[in-house]
N, C-alpha and C. Protein backbone atom coordinates (compact mmCIF):
# COMPACT_ATOMS: atom_id res chain seq x y z
N MET A 1 84.26 100.02 110.95
CA MET A 1 85.53 100.63 111.28
C MET A 1 85.31 102.13 111.48
N LEU A 2 85.75 102.62 112.61
CA LEU A 2 85.63 104.03 112.94
C LEU A 2 86.83 104.79 112.38
N ARG A 3 86.57 105.90 111.71
CA ARG A 3 87.65 106.75 111.19
C ARG A 3 87.42 108.16 111.67
N ARG A 4 88.54 108.84 111.94
CA ARG A 4 88.47 110.20 112.45
C ARG A 4 89.66 111.00 111.93
N LEU A 5 89.42 112.22 111.49
CA LEU A 5 90.50 113.10 111.07
C LEU A 5 91.19 113.65 112.31
N ILE A 6 92.50 113.42 112.41
CA ILE A 6 93.23 113.90 113.58
C ILE A 6 94.33 114.89 113.21
N GLY A 7 94.51 115.14 111.94
CA GLY A 7 95.50 116.13 111.52
C GLY A 7 95.55 116.20 110.01
N PHE A 8 95.98 117.32 109.50
CA PHE A 8 96.13 117.43 108.05
C PHE A 8 97.16 118.49 107.71
N GLU A 9 97.74 118.32 106.55
CA GLU A 9 98.67 119.29 105.99
C GLU A 9 98.46 119.29 104.49
N ARG A 10 98.22 120.43 103.92
CA ARG A 10 98.02 120.52 102.46
C ARG A 10 99.36 120.44 101.73
N LEU A 11 99.43 119.55 100.76
CA LEU A 11 100.62 119.40 99.93
C LEU A 11 100.21 119.57 98.47
N HIS A 12 99.36 120.55 98.20
CA HIS A 12 98.77 120.73 96.88
C HIS A 12 99.74 121.22 95.82
N ASP A 13 100.91 121.70 96.22
CA ASP A 13 101.84 122.23 95.23
C ASP A 13 102.89 121.20 94.79
N LEU A 14 102.63 119.91 95.01
CA LEU A 14 103.57 118.87 94.56
C LEU A 14 103.47 118.68 93.05
N ARG A 15 104.60 118.49 92.42
CA ARG A 15 104.62 118.18 90.99
C ARG A 15 104.60 116.67 90.82
N PRO A 16 104.19 116.16 89.67
CA PRO A 16 104.19 114.71 89.44
C PRO A 16 105.57 114.12 89.71
N GLY A 17 105.61 113.07 90.51
CA GLY A 17 106.86 112.40 90.85
C GLY A 17 107.61 113.01 92.02
N GLU A 18 107.20 114.19 92.46
CA GLU A 18 107.86 114.86 93.58
C GLU A 18 107.31 114.30 94.89
N SER A 19 108.14 114.26 95.91
CA SER A 19 107.69 113.81 97.23
C SER A 19 108.09 114.81 98.29
N ARG A 20 107.42 114.76 99.39
CA ARG A 20 107.70 115.64 100.51
C ARG A 20 107.30 114.91 101.79
N LYS A 21 108.00 115.17 102.85
CA LYS A 21 107.70 114.53 104.13
C LYS A 21 106.69 115.37 104.90
N ALA A 22 105.69 114.70 105.44
CA ALA A 22 104.72 115.32 106.33
C ALA A 22 104.77 114.54 107.64
N VAL A 23 104.84 115.24 108.75
CA VAL A 23 104.97 114.59 110.06
C VAL A 23 103.75 114.93 110.90
N PHE A 24 103.15 113.90 111.50
CA PHE A 24 101.99 114.08 112.35
C PHE A 24 102.23 113.38 113.68
N THR A 25 101.71 113.94 114.74
CA THR A 25 101.77 113.32 116.05
C THR A 25 100.38 112.83 116.41
N VAL A 26 100.29 111.58 116.80
CA VAL A 26 99.02 111.01 117.26
C VAL A 26 99.11 110.92 118.78
N ASN A 27 98.33 111.73 119.46
CA ASN A 27 98.30 111.72 120.92
C ASN A 27 97.28 110.70 121.41
N PRO A 28 97.48 110.14 122.59
CA PRO A 28 96.52 109.17 123.12
C PRO A 28 95.08 109.69 123.13
N CYS A 29 94.89 110.97 123.45
CA CYS A 29 93.53 111.51 123.49
C CYS A 29 92.87 111.50 122.11
N ASP A 30 93.65 111.43 121.04
CA ASP A 30 93.10 111.35 119.69
C ASP A 30 92.41 110.01 119.45
N LEU A 31 92.72 109.01 120.26
CA LEU A 31 92.18 107.66 120.08
C LEU A 31 91.05 107.34 121.05
N GLU A 32 90.66 108.31 121.86
CA GLU A 32 89.59 108.07 122.83
C GLU A 32 88.24 107.95 122.13
N ILE A 33 87.40 107.10 122.68
CA ILE A 33 86.01 107.01 122.25
C ILE A 33 85.13 107.12 123.48
N TYR A 34 83.95 107.67 123.30
CA TYR A 34 83.03 107.82 124.43
C TYR A 34 82.24 106.54 124.58
N MET A 35 82.32 105.94 125.77
CA MET A 35 81.56 104.73 126.09
C MET A 35 80.36 105.16 126.93
N GLU A 36 79.20 105.20 126.27
CA GLU A 36 77.99 105.64 126.95
C GLU A 36 77.68 104.78 128.17
N SER A 37 77.95 103.47 128.04
CA SER A 37 77.65 102.56 129.14
C SER A 37 78.48 102.86 130.39
N GLU A 38 79.67 103.45 130.20
CA GLU A 38 80.53 103.78 131.33
C GLU A 38 80.48 105.27 131.68
N GLY A 39 79.89 106.06 130.79
CA GLY A 39 79.78 107.48 131.05
C GLY A 39 81.10 108.23 130.99
N ARG A 40 82.05 107.70 130.22
CA ARG A 40 83.35 108.35 130.13
C ARG A 40 84.05 107.94 128.83
N LYS A 41 85.14 108.65 128.54
CA LYS A 41 85.96 108.32 127.38
C LYS A 41 87.01 107.28 127.77
N ILE A 42 87.28 106.36 126.85
CA ILE A 42 88.31 105.36 127.09
C ILE A 42 89.14 105.17 125.83
N ILE A 43 90.30 104.57 126.00
CA ILE A 43 91.11 104.14 124.87
C ILE A 43 91.13 102.62 124.91
N GLU A 44 90.53 102.01 123.91
CA GLU A 44 90.50 100.55 123.87
C GLU A 44 91.85 100.01 123.43
N PRO A 45 92.38 99.00 124.13
CA PRO A 45 93.63 98.40 123.69
C PRO A 45 93.43 97.65 122.38
N GLY A 46 94.50 97.56 121.60
CA GLY A 46 94.42 96.83 120.34
C GLY A 46 95.28 97.49 119.28
N ASN A 47 95.07 97.06 118.04
CA ASN A 47 95.81 97.60 116.90
C ASN A 47 95.01 98.71 116.25
N TYR A 48 95.70 99.79 115.91
CA TYR A 48 95.09 100.94 115.24
C TYR A 48 95.87 101.20 113.96
N ARG A 49 95.15 101.52 112.89
CA ARG A 49 95.80 101.93 111.65
C ARG A 49 95.65 103.44 111.48
N VAL A 50 96.75 104.07 111.13
CA VAL A 50 96.77 105.52 110.88
C VAL A 50 97.04 105.68 109.39
N TYR A 51 96.11 106.34 108.69
CA TYR A 51 96.20 106.51 107.24
C TYR A 51 96.61 107.92 106.87
N ALA A 52 97.29 108.05 105.75
CA ALA A 52 97.61 109.35 105.16
C ALA A 52 97.23 109.29 103.70
N GLY A 53 96.48 110.27 103.24
CA GLY A 53 96.07 110.24 101.84
C GLY A 53 95.23 111.44 101.46
N GLY A 54 94.69 111.39 100.27
CA GLY A 54 93.92 112.48 99.72
C GLY A 54 92.49 112.56 100.22
N SER A 55 92.00 111.49 100.85
CA SER A 55 90.65 111.47 101.40
C SER A 55 90.58 110.38 102.46
N CYS A 56 89.44 110.32 103.15
CA CYS A 56 89.29 109.31 104.19
C CYS A 56 89.22 107.89 103.63
N LEU A 57 89.02 107.75 102.34
CA LEU A 57 88.96 106.43 101.72
C LEU A 57 90.28 106.02 101.07
N ASP A 58 91.26 106.91 101.07
CA ASP A 58 92.56 106.63 100.46
C ASP A 58 93.39 105.78 101.43
N GLU A 59 93.63 104.53 101.07
CA GLU A 59 94.32 103.60 101.97
C GLU A 59 95.70 103.21 101.45
N ARG A 60 96.31 104.02 100.59
CA ARG A 60 97.61 103.67 100.02
C ARG A 60 98.76 103.78 101.02
N VAL A 61 98.68 104.73 101.94
CA VAL A 61 99.76 104.96 102.90
C VAL A 61 99.19 104.81 104.30
N TRP A 62 99.75 103.90 105.08
CA TRP A 62 99.28 103.71 106.44
C TRP A 62 100.37 103.11 107.32
N ALA A 63 100.16 103.25 108.61
CA ALA A 63 101.05 102.65 109.62
C ALA A 63 100.14 102.05 110.69
N GLU A 64 100.62 101.01 111.32
CA GLU A 64 99.83 100.37 112.38
C GLU A 64 100.53 100.58 113.72
N ILE A 65 99.74 100.90 114.73
CA ILE A 65 100.27 101.03 116.08
C ILE A 65 99.47 100.12 117.00
N GLU A 66 100.09 99.66 118.05
CA GLU A 66 99.43 98.77 119.00
C GLU A 66 99.41 99.42 120.38
N LEU A 67 98.26 99.39 121.02
CA LEU A 67 98.12 99.93 122.38
C LEU A 67 97.76 98.80 123.31
């Protein structure tokens, strides 16, 4: 599974139990991968999961999008 950081916002001043909304925009170019065999970048159709968390391994919060 390929993972890539496409945006971040620090929420380090949250108190225990407090919540705050963070909004991110995922642009199509953020999902491009370079296909060496074709010599260009493409966006493969399919389902993509977008995660939000404290690290790249944090999978508690996510949304799925389909292209």
